[in-house]
């Protein structure tokens, strides 16, 4: 099971998802930036899988610019790669595992542990 996050391109500092002002969102081509940043990318039609050291990041691409993109992560290291990329591009990250924005300066406060426990619980029920 994947751990899902959402990247937002906005100048607004989002403290909580409820505060999100859609008028502040700016459309960009996430696909080009992600593909230019990472070397190991498996492409299958509109699906992409970034292969990294101890992580995989999957996403679907669009032919049009977007203000946000959902990514599915496998492995916590993928988040740290995305945090560095987010800092460079002034993006913000919403962590669906905890239902909160990730503090890019304190990324250890993320939902990976909660996600791992959830997956373990599901696997143990089988």
Protein backbone atom coordinates (compact mmCIF):
# COMPACT_ATOMS: atom_id res chain seq x y z
CA UNK A 1 0.00 0.00 0.00
CA UNK A 2 1.19 3.45 -0.81
CA UNK A 3 1.53 6.47 1.41
CA UNK A 4 -0.06 9.38 -0.43
CA UNK A 5 0.98 13.01 -0.33
CA UNK A 6 -0.08 16.06 -2.34
CA UNK A 7 2.30 18.72 -3.61
CA UNK A 8 0.86 22.23 -3.84
CA UNK A 9 2.30 25.07 -5.87
CA UNK A 10 1.26 28.24 -4.05
CA UNK A 11 2.78 31.38 -2.61
CA UNK A 12 0.35 31.13 0.32
CA UNK A 13 1.79 29.51 3.44
CA UNK A 14 -0.74 26.77 4.09
CA UNK A 15 -1.03 26.02 7.79
CA UNK A 16 -3.94 23.62 7.35
CA UNK A 17 -5.73 22.25 4.32
CA UNK A 18 -8.92 23.99 5.45
CA UNK A 19 -7.16 27.36 4.96
CA UNK A 20 -6.25 26.63 1.36
CA UNK A 21 -7.19 29.54 -0.90
CA UNK A 22 -7.58 28.09 -4.38
CA UNK A 23 -7.07 31.57 -5.85
CA UNK A 24 -3.49 31.44 -4.52
CA UNK A 25 -2.66 28.21 -6.35
CA UNK A 26 -0.45 28.49 -9.41
CA UNK A 27 -0.52 26.01 -12.28
CA UNK A 28 2.80 24.47 -13.38
CA UNK A 29 4.00 21.37 -15.18
CA UNK A 30 4.92 19.05 -12.31
CA UNK A 31 5.71 16.27 -14.80
CA UNK A 32 8.58 18.15 -16.42
CA UNK A 33 10.09 19.20 -13.10
CA UNK A 34 9.88 15.70 -11.61
CA UNK A 35 11.23 14.06 -14.77
CA UNK A 36 14.10 16.58 -14.99
CA UNK A 37 14.99 16.04 -11.31
CA UNK A 38 15.13 12.26 -11.06
CA UNK A 39 17.25 9.94 -13.21
CA UNK A 40 15.49 6.58 -12.78
CA UNK A 41 11.93 6.94 -14.08
CA UNK A 42 9.81 4.15 -15.49
CA UNK A 43 7.23 5.50 -17.93
CA UNK A 44 4.08 3.61 -18.90
CA UNK A 45 1.59 5.73 -20.81
CA UNK A 46 0.55 8.42 -18.27
CA UNK A 47 1.95 6.56 -15.23
CA UNK A 48 5.39 7.34 -13.83
CA UNK A 49 7.45 5.51 -11.22
CA UNK A 50 10.55 7.21 -9.86
CA UNK A 51 13.02 4.61 -8.63
CA UNK A 52 15.35 5.79 -5.86
CA UNK A 53 17.51 4.43 -3.08
CA UNK A 54 15.05 2.62 -0.79
CA UNK A 55 11.98 4.33 -2.29
CA UNK A 56 9.59 4.52 -5.22
CA UNK A 57 7.38 7.51 -6.03
CA UNK A 58 4.44 6.90 -8.35
CA UNK A 59 2.22 9.46 -10.02
CA UNK A 60 0.07 10.05 -13.07
CA UNK A 61 0.86 12.82 -15.52
CA UNK A 62 -1.43 15.21 -17.29
CA UNK A 63 -0.91 17.12 -20.51
CA UNK A 64 -1.99 20.31 -18.79
CA UNK A 65 -0.37 22.32 -16.00
CA UNK A 66 -1.82 21.81 -12.53
CA UNK A 67 -1.61 23.55 -9.17
CA UNK A 68 -1.21 20.28 -7.26
CA UNK A 69 -0.35 16.65 -7.80
CA UNK A 70 -0.89 13.51 -5.74
CA UNK A 71 2.08 11.19 -5.35
CA UNK A 72 2.13 7.68 -3.94
CA UNK A 73 5.25 6.90 -1.96
CA UNK A 74 6.76 3.54 -1.10
CA UNK A 75 9.47 4.16 1.49
CA UNK A 76 10.05 7.18 3.71
CA UNK A 77 13.21 8.25 1.84
CA UNK A 78 11.04 9.39 -1.05
CA UNK A 79 9.51 12.05 1.17
CA UNK A 80 12.90 13.52 2.02
CA UNK A 81 13.77 13.76 -1.69
CA UNK A 82 10.47 15.55 -2.32
CA UNK A 83 11.04 17.90 0.61
CA UNK A 84 14.33 19.09 -0.89
CA UNK A 85 12.65 19.52 -4.26
CA UNK A 86 9.76 21.37 -2.60
CA UNK A 87 12.12 23.77 -0.88
CA UNK A 88 13.77 24.61 -4.22
CA UNK A 89 10.43 25.15 -5.96
CA UNK A 90 8.55 26.74 -3.05
CA UNK A 91 6.02 23.91 -2.95
CA UNK A 92 4.13 22.71 0.08
CA UNK A 93 3.27 19.12 0.98
CA UNK A 94 0.05 17.72 2.40
CA UNK A 95 0.45 14.37 4.15
CA UNK A 96 -2.70 12.26 3.85
CA UNK A 97 -1.34 9.91 6.53
CA UNK A 98 -1.77 12.53 9.25
CA UNK A 99 -4.17 14.87 7.43
CA UNK A 100 -1.79 17.81 7.86
CA UNK A 101 0.71 19.90 6.00
CA UNK A 102 4.33 18.80 6.45
CA UNK A 103 6.68 21.27 8.06
CA UNK A 104 9.55 21.24 5.56
CA UNK A 105 11.95 22.34 8.30
CA UNK A 106 10.88 19.49 10.61
CA UNK A 107 10.09 16.69 8.18
CA UNK A 108 10.46 13.99 10.83
CA UNK A 109 6.95 14.98 11.97
CA UNK A 110 5.24 13.14 9.13
CA UNK A 111 2.74 10.34 8.75
CA UNK A 112 5.03 7.54 7.61
CA UNK A 113 4.98 5.76 10.96
CA UNK A 114 1.19 5.94 11.10
CA UNK A 115 0.99 4.66 7.55
CA UNK A 116 3.35 1.77 8.35
CA UNK A 117 1.29 0.77 11.38
CA UNK A 118 -1.90 0.89 9.31
CA UNK A 119 -0.39 -1.35 6.61
CA UNK A 120 0.89 -3.77 9.26
CA UNK A 121 -2.56 -3.92 10.86
CA UNK A 122 -4.19 -4.69 7.51
CA UNK A 123 -1.61 -7.34 6.66
CA UNK A 124 -2.07 -9.04 10.05
CA UNK A 125 -5.82 -9.36 9.45
CA UNK A 126 -5.24 -11.63 6.46
